[in-house]
Amino acid sequence: MAYFVLPILISSLSTGNVPVDTASGIVISIWGMFATFFQPLAGRIVEKSGKPKKYLYTSLVATSFLIFLYSRVEDVAELLLLRAFLGIVESFMLVSSLTVILYLSGKRRGEGFGIYSTFTDLGFSVSPTVAGLIILYGIDLVFYFSAFLVMISSLGILLFVEDVRIRDVGRGRSALKNLNREIIPVFVSLSFAVAMMSSIVPLENSFLERLGISPLEFGASFTMYLLVRTLSNTPAGKLTDRVGSWRVYALSSIILSVTGLLFIVNSFHVFLAIRFIQGFVVAMVYNSSAVYIAEKSNLGYAMSMGLLSSSITAGLTAGPLIAGIVSGYFGFEYVYALFSFMIVLPVLAKKIC
C-alpha cells in the first residue's frame, strides 16, 4: 500500500527543477538498486548465522518502522535516503523468507514456492484498492496502517513459525566460487523475463495508442493478468515438482518469449489473450526458476535465494529504464524483440552447450 501512494507523496514535496514524474521514477528505482546489490550479501550473512527466522522477524520490525517514517519525510532527499534503507532492510526480509519457505517445504519445493507466490501476489493485487480507500482519510493513514500490518506480520513469524536452523541442511558451500555455472543462463533469462513484465506499465501510453483502447481497458487487462497469475502459482509449483524444474523453466521461458513478440500485433483481442497466457506462464517461470536455482546452485539455501532475489530485482529495476530508452529512441517493436530474444537465448545456449 505504501508503494502505491509514493507518487502522491512525492507530488506533495518540493522536487526543485526536477519534474515530478522523473523524481517518482528515481525514488521508486532507488529501492531496486540497493536491493539488487545487497541481497547476495544478505544471503551470505543469513547463511552464516544459520537462523533465517531471526532475520525475518527483525527485518519486518525494521521495515514497519521505516514505512512509518514515510509520514515524517519533508523533502525528496529524505525520501531517497529512506527508500535506500528500505532496499537494504528488505533484502534481508526477502532472502530470509524464501530460505524459511525452502527449508520447511522439504521435497515439495515447487508447491511451497507456489503457495508463497500466491499470497504475495494476492497482497500485491488488493493493496492498490485498499490504499485508494484509506487515502480518502489522509495519506499518512496509509503509512500507519501499512506499518501496523507489517508489525503484526513480524509477531506472527515470531510466535507461529518454526525456528529453522539451516546448518542442519548440511550443504556446507557458501562461497560464490562454488556456484554452479550451469545456473547462470537461468539468472540472465529470468532477469530479462522480469524486465519484460515490468516494462508494460511504463509503456502504457504506447499500448493505448497502438491498440486504440482506454486506460480502463488497459487496467482491466492488468488485473486479469494478476488474477490468473495468483491462481496459477500453486498449480505451477506442483507441476514443477512433478515434471522437473529445468523442463518447466525451459518450456515456460520459450512460451513467454513468444508472447513478448506477439505484443507487436496491433490487436486488443490478441493483447488480452497474451496477458491471460502470461498469467500462467509467468507463474511457471518464477516457481521453476526458484526451485532450479535452489537445487543446482551448489550454494547454501540463503545464498541461493539471495542471488535469485537479486536477479529479480535487477530485472524490476532495469526493465522500465531499458524499455523507455529503446522505445523512445528506436521504436516500440524493438523493446519486445530485444526482451524476447534475451529471455530465450540463454536457455537455448544452455541446452546446446
Protein backbone atom coordinates (compact mmCIF):
# COMPACT_ATOMS: atom_id res chain seq x y z
CA MET A 1 0.00 0.00 0.00
CA ALA A 2 2.82 2.40 0.87
CA TYR A 3 4.42 1.71 -2.52
CA PHE A 4 1.30 2.60 -4.49
CA VAL A 5 0.84 6.01 -2.84
CA LEU A 6 4.50 7.05 -3.19
CA PRO A 7 3.88 9.17 -6.33
CA ILE A 8 1.17 11.07 -4.44
CA LEU A 9 3.55 11.68 -1.55
CA ILE A 10 6.27 12.87 -3.94
CA SER A 11 3.91 15.31 -5.65
CA SER A 12 3.32 16.97 -2.26
CA LEU A 13 7.06 17.52 -1.72
CA SER A 14 9.37 20.06 -3.29
CA THR A 15 11.31 18.49 -6.18
CA GLY A 16 13.15 21.66 -7.24
CA ASN A 17 13.69 21.80 -11.01
CA VAL A 18 13.16 18.05 -11.38
CA PRO A 19 9.78 17.04 -12.91
CA VAL A 20 7.53 15.11 -10.53
CA ASP A 21 7.42 12.04 -12.82
CA THR A 22 11.21 11.97 -13.01
CA ALA A 23 11.52 12.32 -9.24
CA SER A 24 8.99 9.49 -8.80
CA GLY A 25 10.97 7.22 -11.10
CA ILE A 26 14.21 7.89 -9.25
CA VAL A 27 12.67 7.45 -5.80
CA ILE A 28 10.95 4.20 -6.74
CA SER A 29 14.00 2.77 -8.56
CA ILE A 30 16.50 3.50 -5.78
CA TRP A 31 14.96 0.68 -3.74
CA GLY A 32 15.66 -1.84 -6.51
CA MET A 33 19.23 -0.66 -6.93
CA PHE A 34 20.07 -1.18 -3.28
CA ALA A 35 18.08 -4.42 -3.00
CA THR A 36 19.82 -5.89 -6.06
CA PHE A 37 23.25 -5.11 -4.66
CA PHE A 38 22.61 -6.19 -1.05
CA GLN A 39 20.62 -9.42 -1.48
CA PRO A 40 23.62 -11.70 -2.16
CA LEU A 41 25.34 -10.14 0.87
CA ALA A 42 22.17 -10.66 2.91
CA GLY A 43 22.15 -14.29 1.82
CA ARG A 44 25.72 -14.72 2.97
CA ILE A 45 25.01 -13.12 6.37
CA VAL A 46 21.79 -15.09 6.94
CA GLU A 47 23.54 -18.31 5.99
CA LYS A 48 26.48 -17.72 8.32
CA SER A 49 24.08 -17.05 11.20
CA GLY A 50 22.11 -20.23 10.46
CA LYS A 51 18.93 -18.52 11.77
CA PRO A 52 16.80 -17.11 8.94
CA LYS A 53 13.75 -16.77 11.19
CA LYS A 54 15.60 -14.25 13.38
CA TYR A 55 16.47 -12.13 10.36
CA LEU A 56 12.94 -12.45 9.01
CA TYR A 57 11.10 -11.04 12.00
CA THR A 58 13.85 -8.50 12.74
CA SER A 59 13.75 -7.15 9.17
CA LEU A 60 9.95 -6.99 9.33
CA VAL A 61 10.14 -4.89 12.50
CA ALA A 62 12.67 -2.59 10.83
CA THR A 63 10.51 -2.38 7.70
CA SER A 64 7.50 -1.42 9.81
CA PHE A 65 9.46 1.42 11.41
CA LEU A 66 10.78 2.69 8.06
CA ILE A 67 7.30 2.64 6.50
CA PHE A 68 6.04 4.68 9.46
CA LEU A 69 8.78 7.24 8.71
CA TYR A 70 7.22 7.89 5.29
CA SER A 71 4.75 10.05 7.18
CA ARG A 72 7.59 12.19 8.54
CA VAL A 73 9.63 12.98 5.41
CA GLU A 74 9.83 16.65 4.45
CA ASP A 75 11.71 16.56 1.13
CA VAL A 76 12.71 14.22 -1.69
CA ALA A 77 16.27 13.83 -0.38
CA GLU A 78 14.94 12.34 2.88
CA LEU A 79 12.62 10.07 0.89
CA LEU A 80 15.52 8.84 -1.26
CA LEU A 81 17.52 8.01 1.87
CA LEU A 82 14.53 6.20 3.36
CA ARG A 83 14.00 4.16 0.19
CA ALA A 84 17.69 3.21 0.16
CA PHE A 85 17.46 1.95 3.75
CA LEU A 86 14.31 0.01 2.84
CA GLY A 87 16.19 -1.63 -0.03
CA ILE A 88 18.84 -2.85 2.39
CA VAL A 89 16.45 -3.98 5.14
CA GLU A 90 14.02 -5.68 2.77
CA SER A 91 16.93 -7.54 1.18
CA PHE A 92 17.17 -9.46 4.44
CA MET A 93 13.39 -9.86 4.57
CA LEU A 94 13.18 -11.34 1.07
CA VAL A 95 16.17 -13.66 1.45
CA SER A 96 15.22 -14.95 4.89
CA SER A 97 11.55 -15.51 3.96
CA LEU A 98 12.49 -17.51 0.86
CA THR A 99 15.01 -19.51 2.87
CA VAL A 100 12.43 -20.41 5.51
CA ILE A 101 9.93 -21.45 2.80
CA LEU A 102 12.60 -23.53 1.05
CA TYR A 103 13.61 -25.34 4.21
CA LEU A 104 10.08 -26.02 5.52
CA SER A 105 8.84 -27.24 2.10
CA GLY A 106 11.22 -30.21 2.05
CA LYS A 107 10.96 -32.07 -1.25
CA ARG A 108 7.78 -30.19 -2.21
CA ARG A 109 9.72 -27.02 -3.01
CA GLY A 110 7.67 -26.14 -6.07
CA GLU A 111 4.42 -26.32 -4.14
CA GLY A 112 5.95 -24.34 -1.27
CA PHE A 113 7.12 -21.56 -3.58
CA GLY A 114 3.76 -21.66 -5.35
CA ILE A 115 1.84 -21.04 -2.12
CA TYR A 116 4.32 -18.32 -1.15
CA SER A 117 3.86 -16.61 -4.53
CA THR A 118 0.08 -16.93 -4.31
CA PHE A 119 -0.06 -14.90 -1.12
CA THR A 120 2.49 -12.29 -2.24
CA ASP A 121 0.55 -11.80 -5.49
CA LEU A 122 -2.71 -11.61 -3.55
CA GLY A 123 -1.29 -8.84 -1.37
CA PHE A 124 0.04 -7.02 -4.42
CA SER A 125 -3.34 -7.30 -6.18
CA VAL A 126 -5.56 -5.97 -3.41
CA SER A 127 -3.25 -3.31 -1.98
CA PRO A 128 -3.92 -0.58 -4.59
CA THR A 129 -7.65 -0.75 -3.92
CA VAL A 130 -7.22 -0.77 -0.14
CA ALA A 131 -4.74 2.10 -0.35
CA GLY A 132 -7.19 4.03 -2.54
CA LEU A 133 -9.89 3.67 0.10
CA ILE A 134 -7.68 4.56 3.07
CA ILE A 135 -6.13 7.60 1.39
CA LEU A 136 -9.56 9.24 1.40
CA TYR A 137 -8.91 9.82 5.11
CA GLY A 138 -5.34 11.06 4.61
CA ILE A 139 -2.14 9.73 3.09
CA ASP A 140 -0.44 9.36 6.49
CA LEU A 141 -3.09 6.84 7.49
CA VAL A 142 -1.95 4.59 4.62
CA PHE A 143 1.56 4.58 6.07
CA TYR A 144 0.32 4.00 9.64
CA PHE A 145 -1.88 1.08 8.58
CA SER A 146 0.85 -0.44 6.38
CA ALA A 147 3.36 -0.22 9.23
CA PHE A 148 0.85 -1.81 11.60
CA LEU A 149 0.21 -4.76 9.27
CA VAL A 150 3.94 -5.39 8.83
CA MET A 151 4.43 -5.29 12.61
CA ILE A 152 1.61 -7.83 13.05
CA SER A 153 3.36 -9.99 10.44
CA SER A 154 6.60 -9.89 12.42
CA LEU A 155 4.77 -11.04 15.55
CA GLY A 156 3.13 -13.83 13.59
CA ILE A 157 6.53 -15.05 12.39
CA LEU A 158 7.96 -14.85 15.90
CA LEU A 159 5.10 -16.79 17.51
CA PHE A 160 3.98 -19.32 14.92
CA VAL A 161 6.84 -20.16 12.54
CA GLU A 162 9.26 -22.98 13.32
CA ASP A 163 12.74 -21.89 14.36
CA VAL A 164 14.58 -23.04 11.24
CA ARG A 165 18.31 -23.75 11.57
CA ILE A 166 19.69 -24.03 8.08
CA ARG A 167 23.01 -25.55 9.14
CA ASP A 168 21.05 -28.78 9.58
CA VAL A 169 20.68 -28.93 5.80
CA GLY A 170 24.33 -29.81 5.55
CA ARG A 171 25.09 -28.28 2.19
CA GLY A 172 28.13 -26.51 3.57
CA ARG A 173 29.02 -24.49 0.48
CA SER A 174 28.61 -20.75 0.63
CA ALA A 175 31.34 -19.04 -1.37
CA LEU A 176 30.43 -17.80 -4.84
CA LYS A 177 33.42 -19.70 -6.22
CA ASN A 178 31.33 -22.84 -5.67
CA LEU A 179 28.49 -21.50 -7.81
CA ASN A 180 27.39 -24.00 -10.46
CA ARG A 181 27.98 -22.16 -13.74
CA GLU A 182 25.05 -24.02 -15.34
CA ILE A 183 22.56 -21.82 -13.49
CA ILE A 184 23.99 -18.51 -14.80
CA PRO A 185 21.86 -18.73 -18.01
CA VAL A 186 18.77 -19.02 -15.79
CA PHE A 187 19.78 -15.89 -13.87
CA VAL A 188 20.18 -13.95 -17.12
CA SER A 189 16.98 -15.29 -18.69
CA LEU A 190 14.97 -14.68 -15.51
CA SER A 191 16.20 -11.08 -15.20
CA PHE A 192 15.06 -10.30 -18.72
CA ALA A 193 11.73 -12.08 -18.15
CA VAL A 194 11.13 -9.84 -15.14
CA ALA A 195 12.34 -6.81 -17.11
CA MET A 196 9.83 -7.52 -19.87
CA MET A 197 6.93 -7.85 -17.46
CA SER A 198 7.93 -4.70 -15.55
CA SER A 199 8.09 -2.67 -18.80
CA ILE A 200 4.39 -2.93 -19.62
CA VAL A 201 3.05 -0.28 -17.23
CA PRO A 202 5.76 2.32 -18.04
CA LEU A 203 4.88 1.90 -21.75
CA GLU A 204 1.14 2.21 -21.08
CA ASN A 205 0.76 5.25 -23.35
CA SER A 206 2.30 3.35 -26.27
CA PHE A 207 -0.06 0.41 -25.70
CA LEU A 208 -3.07 2.74 -25.52
CA GLU A 209 -2.13 4.44 -28.78
CA ARG A 210 -1.28 1.25 -30.68
CA LEU A 211 -4.32 -0.73 -29.54
CA GLY A 212 -6.80 2.16 -29.52
CA ILE A 213 -8.00 1.37 -26.00
CA SER A 214 -8.81 3.34 -22.86
CA PRO A 215 -6.87 3.32 -19.58
CA LEU A 216 -9.79 1.37 -18.08
CA GLU A 217 -9.38 -1.43 -20.63
CA PHE A 218 -5.63 -1.46 -20.10
CA GLY A 219 -6.13 -1.62 -16.32
CA ALA A 220 -8.65 -4.44 -16.68
CA SER A 221 -6.14 -6.45 -18.71
CA PHE A 222 -3.53 -5.94 -16.00
CA THR A 223 -5.97 -7.05 -13.31
CA MET A 224 -6.81 -10.15 -15.35
CA TYR A 225 -3.11 -10.99 -15.67
CA LEU A 226 -2.55 -10.63 -11.91
CA LEU A 227 -5.62 -12.72 -11.11
CA VAL A 228 -4.58 -15.55 -13.42
CA ARG A 229 -1.02 -15.44 -12.06
CA THR A 230 -2.25 -15.51 -8.47
CA LEU A 231 -4.48 -18.52 -9.11
CA SER A 232 -1.77 -20.30 -11.12
CA ASN A 233 1.12 -20.10 -8.66
CA THR A 234 0.34 -23.20 -6.63
CA PRO A 235 -0.58 -25.40 -9.65
CA ALA A 236 2.62 -24.19 -11.35
CA GLY A 237 4.60 -25.17 -8.26
CA LYS A 238 3.05 -28.63 -8.18
CA LEU A 239 3.78 -29.04 -11.90
CA THR A 240 7.41 -28.13 -11.23
CA ASP A 241 7.66 -30.84 -8.55
CA ARG A 242 6.10 -33.40 -10.87
CA VAL A 243 7.83 -32.65 -14.19
CA GLY A 244 11.14 -31.18 -13.05
CA SER A 245 12.32 -27.60 -12.58
CA TRP A 246 14.51 -27.33 -15.68
CA ARG A 247 11.90 -28.72 -18.06
CA VAL A 248 9.24 -26.38 -16.74
CA TYR A 249 11.56 -23.37 -16.81
CA ALA A 250 12.83 -24.03 -20.35
CA LEU A 251 9.33 -24.53 -21.75
CA SER A 252 7.75 -21.60 -19.92
CA SER A 253 10.56 -19.18 -20.83
CA ILE A 254 10.23 -20.09 -24.53
CA ILE A 255 6.46 -19.53 -24.36
CA LEU A 256 6.97 -16.22 -22.56
CA SER A 257 9.42 -15.14 -25.26
CA VAL A 258 6.83 -15.86 -27.96
CA THR A 259 4.13 -13.91 -26.11
CA GLY A 260 6.52 -10.96 -25.87
CA LEU A 261 6.94 -10.92 -29.65
CA LEU A 262 3.17 -11.00 -30.06
CA PHE A 263 2.91 -7.63 -28.29
CA ILE A 264 3.89 -6.19 -31.66
CA VAL A 265 0.50 -7.26 -33.11
CA ASN A 266 -1.92 -4.29 -33.13
CA SER A 267 -4.99 -6.09 -31.80
CA PHE A 268 -6.61 -5.68 -28.40
CA HIS A 269 -8.05 -9.20 -28.58
CA VAL A 270 -4.57 -10.62 -29.18
CA PHE A 271 -3.26 -8.46 -26.32
CA LEU A 272 -5.93 -9.85 -23.96
CA ALA A 273 -5.10 -13.41 -24.97
CA ILE A 274 -1.39 -12.73 -24.41
CA ARG A 275 -1.97 -11.31 -20.93
CA PHE A 276 -4.15 -14.29 -19.99
CA ILE A 277 -1.48 -16.77 -21.14
CA GLN A 278 1.26 -14.78 -19.43
CA GLY A 279 -0.54 -15.07 -16.09
CA PHE A 280 0.07 -18.82 -16.03
CA VAL A 281 3.41 -18.77 -17.85
CA VAL A 282 4.99 -16.20 -15.52
CA ALA A 283 3.86 -18.27 -12.53
CA MET A 284 5.72 -21.24 -14.05
CA VAL A 285 8.81 -19.12 -14.78
CA TYR A 286 9.05 -17.76 -11.24
CA ASN A 287 8.41 -21.00 -9.40
CA SER A 288 10.52 -23.28 -11.60
CA SER A 289 13.49 -20.88 -11.59
CA ALA A 290 13.42 -20.70 -7.78
CA VAL A 291 13.38 -24.49 -7.44
CA TYR A 292 16.05 -24.98 -10.12
CA ILE A 293 18.43 -22.47 -8.51
CA ALA A 294 17.85 -23.98 -5.06
CA GLU A 295 18.58 -27.47 -6.38
CA LYS A 296 21.51 -26.75 -8.72
CA SER A 297 23.41 -23.75 -7.37
CA ASN A 298 25.86 -25.73 -5.16
CA LEU A 299 25.38 -22.98 -2.59
CA GLY A 300 23.55 -22.88 0.71
CA TYR A 301 19.85 -22.09 0.67
CA ALA A 302 20.16 -18.50 1.89
CA MET A 303 22.88 -17.61 -0.60
CA SER A 304 20.90 -19.22 -3.43
CA MET A 305 17.82 -17.21 -2.54
CA GLY A 306 19.90 -14.04 -2.26
CA LEU A 307 21.10 -14.47 -5.85
CA LEU A 308 17.59 -15.38 -7.03
CA SER A 309 16.05 -12.27 -5.44
CA SER A 310 18.88 -10.13 -6.78
CA SER A 311 18.26 -11.27 -10.35
CA ILE A 312 14.54 -10.49 -9.96
CA THR A 313 15.05 -7.01 -8.52
CA ALA A 314 17.67 -6.31 -11.20
CA GLY A 315 15.01 -7.04 -13.81
CA LEU A 316 12.44 -4.92 -12.00
CA THR A 317 14.86 -2.01 -11.87
CA ALA A 318 16.29 -2.27 -15.38
CA GLY A 319 13.08 -3.17 -17.25
CA PRO A 320 11.38 0.25 -17.24
CA LEU A 321 14.69 2.00 -17.93
CA ILE A 322 15.62 -0.21 -20.91
CA ALA A 323 12.06 -0.08 -22.29
CA GLY A 324 11.91 3.70 -22.03
CA ILE A 325 15.23 4.23 -23.81
CA VAL A 326 14.68 1.64 -26.56
CA SER A 327 11.07 2.67 -27.24
CA GLY A 328 11.87 6.37 -27.18
CA TYR A 329 14.89 6.25 -29.50
CA PHE A 330 14.35 3.15 -31.65
CA GLY A 331 10.66 2.22 -31.50
CA PHE A 332 8.15 0.18 -29.53
CA GLU A 333 8.68 -3.01 -31.53
CA TYR A 334 12.37 -3.16 -30.68
CA VAL A 335 11.61 -3.30 -26.95
CA TYR A 336 9.85 -6.64 -27.06
CA ALA A 337 12.07 -8.06 -29.80
CA LEU A 338 15.03 -7.39 -27.50
CA PHE A 339 13.40 -8.77 -24.35
CA SER A 340 12.07 -11.88 -26.13
CA PHE A 341 15.49 -12.61 -27.64
CA MET A 342 17.29 -12.19 -24.31
CA ILE A 343 14.79 -14.40 -22.45
CA VAL A 344 15.17 -17.37 -24.78
CA LEU A 345 18.84 -17.02 -25.85
CA PRO A 346 20.41 -18.14 -22.51
CA VAL A 347 18.01 -21.10 -22.34
CA LEU A 348 18.87 -22.26 -25.86
CA ALA A 349 22.59 -21.67 -25.25
CA LYS A 350 22.49 -23.82 -22.10
CA LYS A 351 20.65 -26.58 -23.92
CA ILE A 352 23.09 -26.57 -26.84
CA CYS A 353 26.19 -26.40 -24.63
